[in-house]
Amino acid sequence: TNNLLESPFPESILDNRLMGTIFIERNKFTGPFPPKFAIQPDLQLLLAYENEFTGTIDPRFGDLARLQALELGTNKLTGTVPAKIGSSTSLENFNVDYNDLGGKFPEAIFGMTMLKQLNLTGNDFTGSIPPTVGNLGSAFVSRQKKYLN
């Protein structure tokens, strides 16, 4: 956290599959977002915001039964949010603000009953906000470059 570490993230650190919390926010990690993050069975908190990761969000994050916070904001991620993330039963905080994400945002995310914070600010999502948005916990934040209709 706040170290301004540079270079690609050393994926070998993730060979230890017993990590419950990973705080690497506010650095300058570059390169593709390591897919090994999404196969950490004990992962509860992943704070990787304010780096320079590229690539896409791995749909396997939706399989992590203990994941409570996935904060990937202010990177250079592309593609869309995988619908499979909406199947998470433990995710409380999902932040993907200020990336280059787009396309139709998966409705399944809006139906997640444990979700307390959702931040989509500064992306290019399209579509509409479904009635299931009322199932979200206590907070919903969305200020898009192209606002959801």
N, C-alpha and C. Protein backbone atom coordinates (compact mmCIF):
# COMPACT_ATOMS: atom_id res chain seq x y z
N THR A 1 0.83 -1.19 0.00
CA THR A 1 0.00 0.00 0.00
C THR A 1 0.87 1.25 0.00
N ASN A 2 0.56 2.19 -0.89
CA ASN A 2 1.24 3.48 -0.95
C ASN A 2 2.75 3.39 -1.05
N ASN A 3 3.26 2.41 -1.77
CA ASN A 3 4.70 2.28 -1.88
C ASN A 3 5.24 2.73 -3.22
N LEU A 4 4.38 2.91 -4.19
CA LEU A 4 4.77 3.26 -5.55
C LEU A 4 5.70 2.21 -6.15
N LEU A 5 5.46 0.94 -5.81
CA LEU A 5 6.20 -0.15 -6.41
C LEU A 5 5.88 -0.21 -7.89
N GLU A 6 6.88 -0.45 -8.70
CA GLU A 6 6.70 -0.49 -10.15
C GLU A 6 7.00 -1.87 -10.68
N SER A 7 6.67 -2.09 -11.93
CA SER A 7 6.90 -3.34 -12.67
C SER A 7 5.68 -4.23 -12.59
N PRO A 8 5.67 -5.28 -13.37
CA PRO A 8 4.56 -6.23 -13.25
C PRO A 8 4.53 -6.85 -11.85
N PHE A 9 3.34 -7.20 -11.40
CA PHE A 9 3.19 -7.82 -10.08
C PHE A 9 3.82 -9.21 -10.12
N PRO A 10 4.64 -9.55 -9.13
CA PRO A 10 5.29 -10.87 -9.12
C PRO A 10 4.29 -11.98 -8.79
N GLU A 11 3.79 -12.65 -9.82
CA GLU A 11 2.74 -13.66 -9.65
C GLU A 11 3.15 -14.82 -8.74
N SER A 12 4.45 -15.04 -8.59
CA SER A 12 4.89 -16.16 -7.74
C SER A 12 4.42 -15.99 -6.30
N ILE A 13 4.17 -14.76 -5.87
CA ILE A 13 3.64 -14.52 -4.53
C ILE A 13 2.30 -15.24 -4.37
N LEU A 14 1.56 -15.37 -5.45
CA LEU A 14 0.23 -15.96 -5.40
C LEU A 14 0.26 -17.49 -5.44
N ASP A 15 1.45 -18.07 -5.49
CA ASP A 15 1.55 -19.53 -5.45
C ASP A 15 1.14 -20.06 -4.08
N ASN A 16 1.26 -19.23 -3.06
CA ASN A 16 0.76 -19.57 -1.73
C ASN A 16 -0.74 -19.33 -1.76
N ARG A 17 -1.52 -20.38 -1.87
CA ARG A 17 -2.96 -20.23 -2.06
C ARG A 17 -3.71 -20.08 -0.75
N LEU A 18 -3.03 -19.66 0.31
CA LEU A 18 -3.67 -19.49 1.61
C LEU A 18 -3.88 -18.02 1.96
N MET A 19 -3.70 -17.13 1.00
CA MET A 19 -3.81 -15.70 1.28
C MET A 19 -5.26 -15.30 1.46
N GLY A 20 -5.55 -14.62 2.57
CA GLY A 20 -6.89 -14.15 2.84
C GLY A 20 -7.08 -12.69 2.51
N THR A 21 -6.01 -11.90 2.65
CA THR A 21 -6.08 -10.47 2.32
C THR A 21 -4.87 -10.10 1.49
N ILE A 22 -5.13 -9.30 0.47
CA ILE A 22 -4.06 -8.80 -0.39
C ILE A 22 -4.29 -7.30 -0.57
N PHE A 23 -3.39 -6.51 -0.01
CA PHE A 23 -3.45 -5.06 -0.12
C PHE A 23 -2.29 -4.58 -0.97
N ILE A 24 -2.54 -4.26 -2.22
CA ILE A 24 -1.48 -3.77 -3.12
C ILE A 24 -1.90 -2.46 -3.77
N GLU A 25 -2.83 -1.76 -3.15
CA GLU A 25 -3.34 -0.53 -3.72
C GLU A 25 -2.30 0.59 -3.69
N ARG A 26 -2.52 1.58 -4.56
CA ARG A 26 -1.70 2.79 -4.64
C ARG A 26 -0.22 2.48 -4.87
N ASN A 27 0.02 1.66 -5.87
CA ASN A 27 1.37 1.39 -6.35
C ASN A 27 1.39 1.71 -7.84
N LYS A 28 2.34 1.19 -8.54
CA LYS A 28 2.39 1.39 -9.99
C LYS A 28 2.63 0.05 -10.68
N PHE A 29 1.93 -0.99 -10.19
CA PHE A 29 2.05 -2.29 -10.84
C PHE A 29 1.47 -2.21 -12.24
N THR A 30 2.17 -2.80 -13.19
CA THR A 30 1.78 -2.74 -14.59
C THR A 30 1.53 -4.15 -15.12
N GLY A 31 1.12 -4.19 -16.36
CA GLY A 31 0.94 -5.48 -17.03
C GLY A 31 -0.44 -6.06 -16.78
N PRO A 32 -0.68 -7.22 -17.35
CA PRO A 32 -1.98 -7.85 -17.20
C PRO A 32 -2.31 -8.17 -15.75
N PHE A 33 -3.57 -8.00 -15.40
CA PHE A 33 -4.03 -8.32 -14.05
C PHE A 33 -3.90 -9.82 -13.86
N PRO A 34 -3.08 -10.26 -12.89
CA PRO A 34 -2.78 -11.69 -12.74
C PRO A 34 -4.02 -12.55 -12.48
N PRO A 35 -4.27 -13.55 -13.32
CA PRO A 35 -5.42 -14.43 -13.11
C PRO A 35 -5.33 -15.24 -11.83
N LYS A 36 -4.14 -15.40 -11.27
CA LYS A 36 -3.98 -16.17 -10.03
C LYS A 36 -4.71 -15.53 -8.85
N PHE A 37 -4.99 -14.22 -8.94
CA PHE A 37 -5.78 -13.58 -7.87
C PHE A 37 -7.13 -14.28 -7.71
N ALA A 38 -7.71 -14.69 -8.82
CA ALA A 38 -9.06 -15.24 -8.83
C ALA A 38 -9.15 -16.70 -8.44
N ILE A 39 -8.02 -17.31 -8.10
CA ILE A 39 -8.05 -18.73 -7.68
C ILE A 39 -7.49 -18.90 -6.27
N GLN A 40 -7.56 -17.87 -5.48
CA GLN A 40 -7.13 -17.93 -4.08
C GLN A 40 -8.34 -18.33 -3.25
N PRO A 41 -8.47 -19.60 -2.84
CA PRO A 41 -9.71 -20.06 -2.20
C PRO A 41 -10.05 -19.38 -0.88
N ASP A 42 -9.06 -18.83 -0.18
CA ASP A 42 -9.31 -18.17 1.11
C ASP A 42 -9.38 -16.65 1.00
N LEU A 43 -9.33 -16.13 -0.22
CA LEU A 43 -9.30 -14.69 -0.40
C LEU A 43 -10.59 -14.03 0.09
N GLN A 44 -10.41 -13.04 0.98
CA GLN A 44 -11.54 -12.27 1.50
C GLN A 44 -11.51 -10.83 1.02
N LEU A 45 -10.31 -10.25 0.97
CA LEU A 45 -10.16 -8.84 0.58
C LEU A 45 -9.05 -8.71 -0.45
N LEU A 46 -9.37 -8.12 -1.59
CA LEU A 46 -8.37 -7.79 -2.60
C LEU A 46 -8.51 -6.32 -2.92
N LEU A 47 -7.54 -5.54 -2.46
CA LEU A 47 -7.49 -4.12 -2.74
C LEU A 47 -6.35 -3.87 -3.70
N ALA A 48 -6.68 -3.68 -4.97
CA ALA A 48 -5.67 -3.49 -6.02
C ALA A 48 -5.94 -2.21 -6.80
N TYR A 49 -6.62 -1.26 -6.19
CA TYR A 49 -6.95 -0.02 -6.89
C TYR A 49 -5.73 0.90 -6.99
N GLU A 50 -5.82 1.86 -7.90
CA GLU A 50 -4.78 2.86 -8.16
C GLU A 50 -3.43 2.21 -8.50
N ASN A 51 -3.46 1.35 -9.51
CA ASN A 51 -2.27 0.77 -10.13
C ASN A 51 -2.39 1.01 -11.63
N GLU A 52 -1.68 0.25 -12.40
CA GLU A 52 -1.75 0.38 -13.85
C GLU A 52 -1.96 -0.98 -14.51
N PHE A 53 -2.75 -1.84 -13.85
CA PHE A 53 -3.04 -3.15 -14.40
C PHE A 53 -3.86 -3.02 -15.68
N THR A 54 -3.60 -3.91 -16.62
CA THR A 54 -4.35 -3.98 -17.86
C THR A 54 -5.06 -5.33 -17.91
N GLY A 55 -5.78 -5.57 -18.99
CA GLY A 55 -6.46 -6.84 -19.16
C GLY A 55 -7.89 -6.79 -18.68
N THR A 56 -8.44 -7.97 -18.39
CA THR A 56 -9.85 -8.08 -18.05
C THR A 56 -10.03 -8.59 -16.62
N ILE A 57 -11.26 -8.56 -16.16
CA ILE A 57 -11.61 -9.08 -14.84
C ILE A 57 -11.94 -10.56 -14.99
N ASP A 58 -11.28 -11.39 -14.23
CA ASP A 58 -11.46 -12.83 -14.32
C ASP A 58 -12.82 -13.23 -13.76
N PRO A 59 -13.62 -13.98 -14.52
CA PRO A 59 -14.94 -14.38 -14.01
C PRO A 59 -14.87 -15.30 -12.79
N ARG A 60 -13.74 -15.95 -12.56
CA ARG A 60 -13.62 -16.87 -11.42
C ARG A 60 -13.71 -16.17 -10.07
N PHE A 61 -13.62 -14.82 -10.05
CA PHE A 61 -13.85 -14.12 -8.78
C PHE A 61 -15.24 -14.46 -8.23
N GLY A 62 -16.19 -14.76 -9.10
CA GLY A 62 -17.53 -15.12 -8.68
C GLY A 62 -17.60 -16.44 -7.94
N ASP A 63 -16.55 -17.26 -8.06
CA ASP A 63 -16.50 -18.57 -7.39
C ASP A 63 -15.90 -18.50 -5.99
N LEU A 64 -15.32 -17.38 -5.61
CA LEU A 64 -14.63 -17.29 -4.33
C LEU A 64 -15.64 -17.08 -3.20
N ALA A 65 -15.88 -18.13 -2.44
CA ALA A 65 -16.95 -18.15 -1.44
C ALA A 65 -16.73 -17.17 -0.29
N ARG A 66 -15.50 -16.75 -0.05
CA ARG A 66 -15.23 -15.89 1.10
C ARG A 66 -14.95 -14.44 0.71
N LEU A 67 -14.92 -14.15 -0.59
CA LEU A 67 -14.55 -12.81 -1.06
C LEU A 67 -15.57 -11.76 -0.64
N GLN A 68 -15.11 -10.78 0.13
CA GLN A 68 -15.97 -9.71 0.63
C GLN A 68 -15.72 -8.38 -0.08
N ALA A 69 -14.48 -8.13 -0.50
CA ALA A 69 -14.16 -6.85 -1.15
C ALA A 69 -13.27 -7.10 -2.36
N LEU A 70 -13.69 -6.57 -3.50
CA LEU A 70 -12.92 -6.62 -4.73
C LEU A 70 -12.84 -5.20 -5.25
N GLU A 71 -11.70 -4.57 -5.00
CA GLU A 71 -11.51 -3.16 -5.36
C GLU A 71 -10.45 -3.05 -6.43
N LEU A 72 -10.90 -2.80 -7.65
CA LEU A 72 -10.02 -2.76 -8.82
C LEU A 72 -10.05 -1.40 -9.51
N GLY A 73 -10.54 -0.39 -8.84
CA GLY A 73 -10.69 0.93 -9.44
C GLY A 73 -9.36 1.58 -9.82
N THR A 74 -9.44 2.52 -10.75
CA THR A 74 -8.31 3.33 -11.20
C THR A 74 -7.14 2.46 -11.67
N ASN A 75 -7.44 1.60 -12.62
CA ASN A 75 -6.44 0.81 -13.34
C ASN A 75 -6.70 1.05 -14.82
N LYS A 76 -6.29 0.13 -15.65
CA LYS A 76 -6.51 0.25 -17.09
C LYS A 76 -7.19 -1.02 -17.61
N LEU A 77 -8.14 -1.52 -16.81
CA LEU A 77 -8.83 -2.75 -17.17
C LEU A 77 -9.82 -2.49 -18.31
N THR A 78 -9.98 -3.48 -19.17
CA THR A 78 -10.86 -3.35 -20.33
C THR A 78 -11.87 -4.50 -20.33
N GLY A 79 -12.73 -4.49 -21.34
CA GLY A 79 -13.76 -5.52 -21.44
C GLY A 79 -14.97 -5.10 -20.63
N THR A 80 -15.69 -6.09 -20.12
CA THR A 80 -16.86 -5.82 -19.31
C THR A 80 -16.75 -6.56 -17.98
N VAL A 81 -17.71 -6.37 -17.14
CA VAL A 81 -17.74 -7.08 -15.86
C VAL A 81 -18.37 -8.45 -16.11
N PRO A 82 -17.67 -9.53 -15.77
CA PRO A 82 -18.24 -10.86 -15.99
C PRO A 82 -19.52 -11.08 -15.18
N ALA A 83 -20.54 -11.60 -15.83
CA ALA A 83 -21.81 -11.86 -15.15
C ALA A 83 -21.65 -12.81 -13.98
N LYS A 84 -20.66 -13.69 -14.05
CA LYS A 84 -20.44 -14.69 -13.00
C LYS A 84 -20.15 -14.05 -11.65
N ILE A 85 -19.63 -12.84 -11.63
CA ILE A 85 -19.37 -12.15 -10.36
C ILE A 85 -20.68 -11.96 -9.60
N GLY A 86 -21.77 -11.84 -10.33
CA GLY A 86 -23.08 -11.70 -9.71
C GLY A 86 -23.53 -12.91 -8.93
N SER A 87 -22.85 -14.05 -9.09
CA SER A 87 -23.21 -15.25 -8.35
C SER A 87 -22.52 -15.32 -6.99
N SER A 88 -21.69 -14.34 -6.68
CA SER A 88 -21.01 -14.32 -5.39
C SER A 88 -22.03 -14.14 -4.27
N THR A 89 -21.88 -14.93 -3.23
CA THR A 89 -22.80 -14.84 -2.10
C THR A 89 -22.20 -14.07 -0.92
N SER A 90 -20.94 -13.63 -1.05
CA SER A 90 -20.29 -12.95 0.06
C SER A 90 -19.79 -11.55 -0.27
N LEU A 91 -19.77 -11.18 -1.54
CA LEU A 91 -19.18 -9.90 -1.95
C LEU A 91 -20.00 -8.72 -1.41
N GLU A 92 -19.33 -7.86 -0.64
CA GLU A 92 -19.97 -6.68 -0.05
C GLU A 92 -19.54 -5.38 -0.72
N ASN A 93 -18.34 -5.35 -1.28
CA ASN A 93 -17.79 -4.13 -1.85
C ASN A 93 -17.18 -4.46 -3.20
N PHE A 94 -17.75 -3.88 -4.26
CA PHE A 94 -17.25 -4.10 -5.62
C PHE A 94 -16.99 -2.74 -6.27
N ASN A 95 -15.73 -2.45 -6.51
CA ASN A 95 -15.33 -1.15 -7.02
C ASN A 95 -14.49 -1.33 -8.28
N VAL A 96 -15.00 -0.83 -9.40
CA VAL A 96 -14.26 -0.87 -10.67
C VAL A 96 -14.21 0.52 -11.31
N ASP A 97 -14.28 1.56 -10.49
CA ASP A 97 -14.33 2.91 -11.04
C ASP A 97 -13.06 3.27 -11.80
N TYR A 98 -13.21 4.17 -12.76
CA TYR A 98 -12.11 4.73 -13.55
C TYR A 98 -11.20 3.68 -14.18
N ASN A 99 -11.82 2.80 -14.95
CA ASN A 99 -11.11 1.87 -15.82
C ASN A 99 -11.61 2.14 -17.23
N ASP A 100 -11.37 1.24 -18.13
CA ASP A 100 -11.87 1.35 -19.51
C ASP A 100 -12.86 0.23 -19.78
N LEU A 101 -13.70 -0.05 -18.81
CA LEU A 101 -14.69 -1.10 -18.94
C LEU A 101 -15.91 -0.57 -19.70
N GLY A 102 -16.65 -1.46 -20.32
CA GLY A 102 -17.82 -1.03 -21.07
C GLY A 102 -18.76 -2.18 -21.34
N GLY A 103 -19.69 -1.93 -22.26
CA GLY A 103 -20.68 -2.93 -22.60
C GLY A 103 -21.82 -2.93 -21.61
N LYS A 104 -22.70 -3.90 -21.79
CA LYS A 104 -23.86 -4.00 -20.91
C LYS A 104 -23.41 -4.54 -19.55
N PHE A 105 -23.80 -3.83 -18.51
CA PHE A 105 -23.45 -4.25 -17.16
C PHE A 105 -24.36 -5.41 -16.77
N PRO A 106 -23.80 -6.51 -16.21
CA PRO A 106 -24.62 -7.68 -15.91
C PRO A 106 -25.66 -7.43 -14.81
N GLU A 107 -26.92 -7.74 -15.13
CA GLU A 107 -28.01 -7.51 -14.18
C GLU A 107 -27.84 -8.31 -12.90
N ALA A 108 -27.16 -9.44 -12.97
CA ALA A 108 -26.98 -10.29 -11.78
C ALA A 108 -26.29 -9.53 -10.65
N ILE A 109 -25.43 -8.60 -10.97
CA ILE A 109 -24.73 -7.82 -9.95
C ILE A 109 -25.74 -7.02 -9.12
N PHE A 110 -26.76 -6.48 -9.79
CA PHE A 110 -27.75 -5.65 -9.09
C PHE A 110 -28.63 -6.47 -8.15
N GLY A 111 -28.61 -7.78 -8.27
CA GLY A 111 -29.41 -8.63 -7.40
C GLY A 111 -28.64 -9.21 -6.22
N MET A 112 -27.39 -8.83 -6.06
CA MET A 112 -26.57 -9.39 -4.98
C MET A 112 -27.01 -8.81 -3.64
N THR A 113 -27.53 -9.64 -2.77
CA THR A 113 -28.10 -9.14 -1.52
C THR A 113 -27.05 -8.75 -0.49
N MET A 114 -25.83 -9.26 -0.57
CA MET A 114 -24.79 -8.90 0.40
C MET A 114 -24.07 -7.61 0.01
N LEU A 115 -24.22 -7.18 -1.24
CA LEU A 115 -23.48 -6.03 -1.74
C LEU A 115 -23.92 -4.75 -1.03
N LYS A 116 -22.93 -4.05 -0.45
CA LYS A 116 -23.20 -2.80 0.25
C LYS A 116 -22.68 -1.59 -0.52
N GLN A 117 -21.63 -1.81 -1.33
CA GLN A 117 -21.09 -0.71 -2.11
C GLN A 117 -20.75 -1.19 -3.51
N LEU A 118 -21.24 -0.46 -4.49
CA LEU A 118 -20.97 -0.73 -5.89
C LEU A 118 -20.57 0.58 -6.54
N ASN A 119 -19.33 0.64 -7.06
CA ASN A 119 -18.86 1.87 -7.68
C ASN A 119 -18.45 1.57 -9.11
N LEU A 120 -19.18 2.16 -10.05
CA LEU A 120 -18.95 1.97 -11.49
C LEU A 120 -18.48 3.25 -12.17
N THR A 121 -18.22 4.27 -11.42
CA THR A 121 -17.90 5.60 -11.93
C THR A 121 -16.80 5.58 -12.99
N GLY A 122 -16.96 6.39 -14.03
CA GLY A 122 -15.90 6.64 -15.00
C GLY A 122 -15.61 5.50 -15.96
N ASN A 123 -16.62 4.73 -16.33
CA ASN A 123 -16.47 3.69 -17.35
C ASN A 123 -17.46 3.97 -18.47
N ASP A 124 -17.63 3.05 -19.38
CA ASP A 124 -18.53 3.22 -20.52
C ASP A 124 -19.60 2.14 -20.57
N PHE A 125 -20.22 1.85 -19.44
CA PHE A 125 -21.27 0.85 -19.41
C PHE A 125 -22.51 1.37 -20.11
N THR A 126 -23.27 0.44 -20.68
CA THR A 126 -24.51 0.80 -21.37
C THR A 126 -25.65 -0.01 -20.78
N GLY A 127 -26.85 0.32 -21.20
CA GLY A 127 -28.02 -0.42 -20.76
C GLY A 127 -28.82 0.37 -19.76
N SER A 128 -29.59 -0.34 -18.97
CA SER A 128 -30.44 0.33 -18.00
C SER A 128 -30.24 -0.28 -16.62
N ILE A 129 -30.69 0.46 -15.62
CA ILE A 129 -30.61 -0.03 -14.25
C ILE A 129 -31.91 -0.80 -14.00
N PRO A 130 -31.80 -2.10 -13.72
CA PRO A 130 -33.01 -2.91 -13.56
C PRO A 130 -33.69 -2.70 -12.21
N PRO A 131 -34.94 -3.13 -12.09
CA PRO A 131 -35.65 -3.00 -10.81
C PRO A 131 -34.95 -3.73 -9.66
N THR A 132 -34.12 -4.73 -9.98
CA THR A 132 -33.43 -5.48 -8.93
C THR A 132 -32.39 -4.64 -8.20
N VAL A 133 -32.12 -3.42 -8.66
CA VAL A 133 -31.16 -2.57 -7.97
C VAL A 133 -31.62 -2.34 -6.53
N GLY A 134 -32.90 -2.45 -6.28
CA GLY A 134 -33.42 -2.30 -4.92
C GLY A 134 -32.98 -3.40 -3.98
N ASN A 135 -32.42 -4.49 -4.53
CA ASN A 135 -31.94 -5.58 -3.69
C ASN A 135 -30.55 -5.30 -3.12
N LEU A 136 -29.89 -4.28 -3.63
CA LEU A 136 -28.56 -3.95 -3.13
C LEU A 136 -28.65 -3.52 -1.68
N GLY A 137 -27.54 -3.68 -0.98
CA GLY A 137 -27.48 -3.30 0.43
C GLY A 137 -27.74 -1.83 0.64
N SER A 138 -26.75 -1.08 1.11
CA SER A 138 -26.99 0.30 1.52
C SER A 138 -26.49 1.36 0.55
N ALA A 139 -25.69 0.98 -0.43
CA ALA A 139 -25.12 2.04 -1.28
C ALA A 139 -25.04 1.60 -2.73
N PHE A 140 -25.29 2.54 -3.63
CA PHE A 140 -25.14 2.31 -5.05
C PHE A 140 -24.58 3.58 -5.66
N VAL A 141 -23.42 3.48 -6.26
CA VAL A 141 -22.76 4.64 -6.84
C VAL A 141 -22.55 4.38 -8.32
N SER A 142 -23.04 5.27 -9.17
CA SER A 142 -22.82 5.11 -10.59
C SER A 142 -22.86 6.47 -11.27
N ARG A 143 -21.72 6.96 -11.64
CA ARG A 143 -21.61 8.17 -12.44
C ARG A 143 -20.73 7.78 -13.62
N GLN A 144 -21.35 7.49 -14.73
CA GLN A 144 -20.66 6.96 -15.89
C GLN A 144 -20.31 8.09 -16.87
N LYS A 145 -19.30 7.81 -17.72
CA LYS A 145 -19.05 8.69 -18.85
C LYS A 145 -20.32 8.73 -19.70
N LYS A 146 -20.90 7.56 -19.93
CA LYS A 146 -22.20 7.43 -20.59
C LYS A 146 -23.10 6.81 -19.55
N TYR A 147 -23.91 7.63 -18.93
CA TYR A 147 -24.71 7.17 -17.80
C TYR A 147 -25.65 6.05 -18.20
N LEU A 148 -25.83 5.09 -17.30
CA LEU A 148 -26.80 4.04 -17.54
C LEU A 148 -28.18 4.67 -17.65
N ASN A 149 -28.98 4.30 -18.64
CA ASN A 149 -30.31 4.89 -18.84
C ASN A 149 -31.33 4.21 -17.97
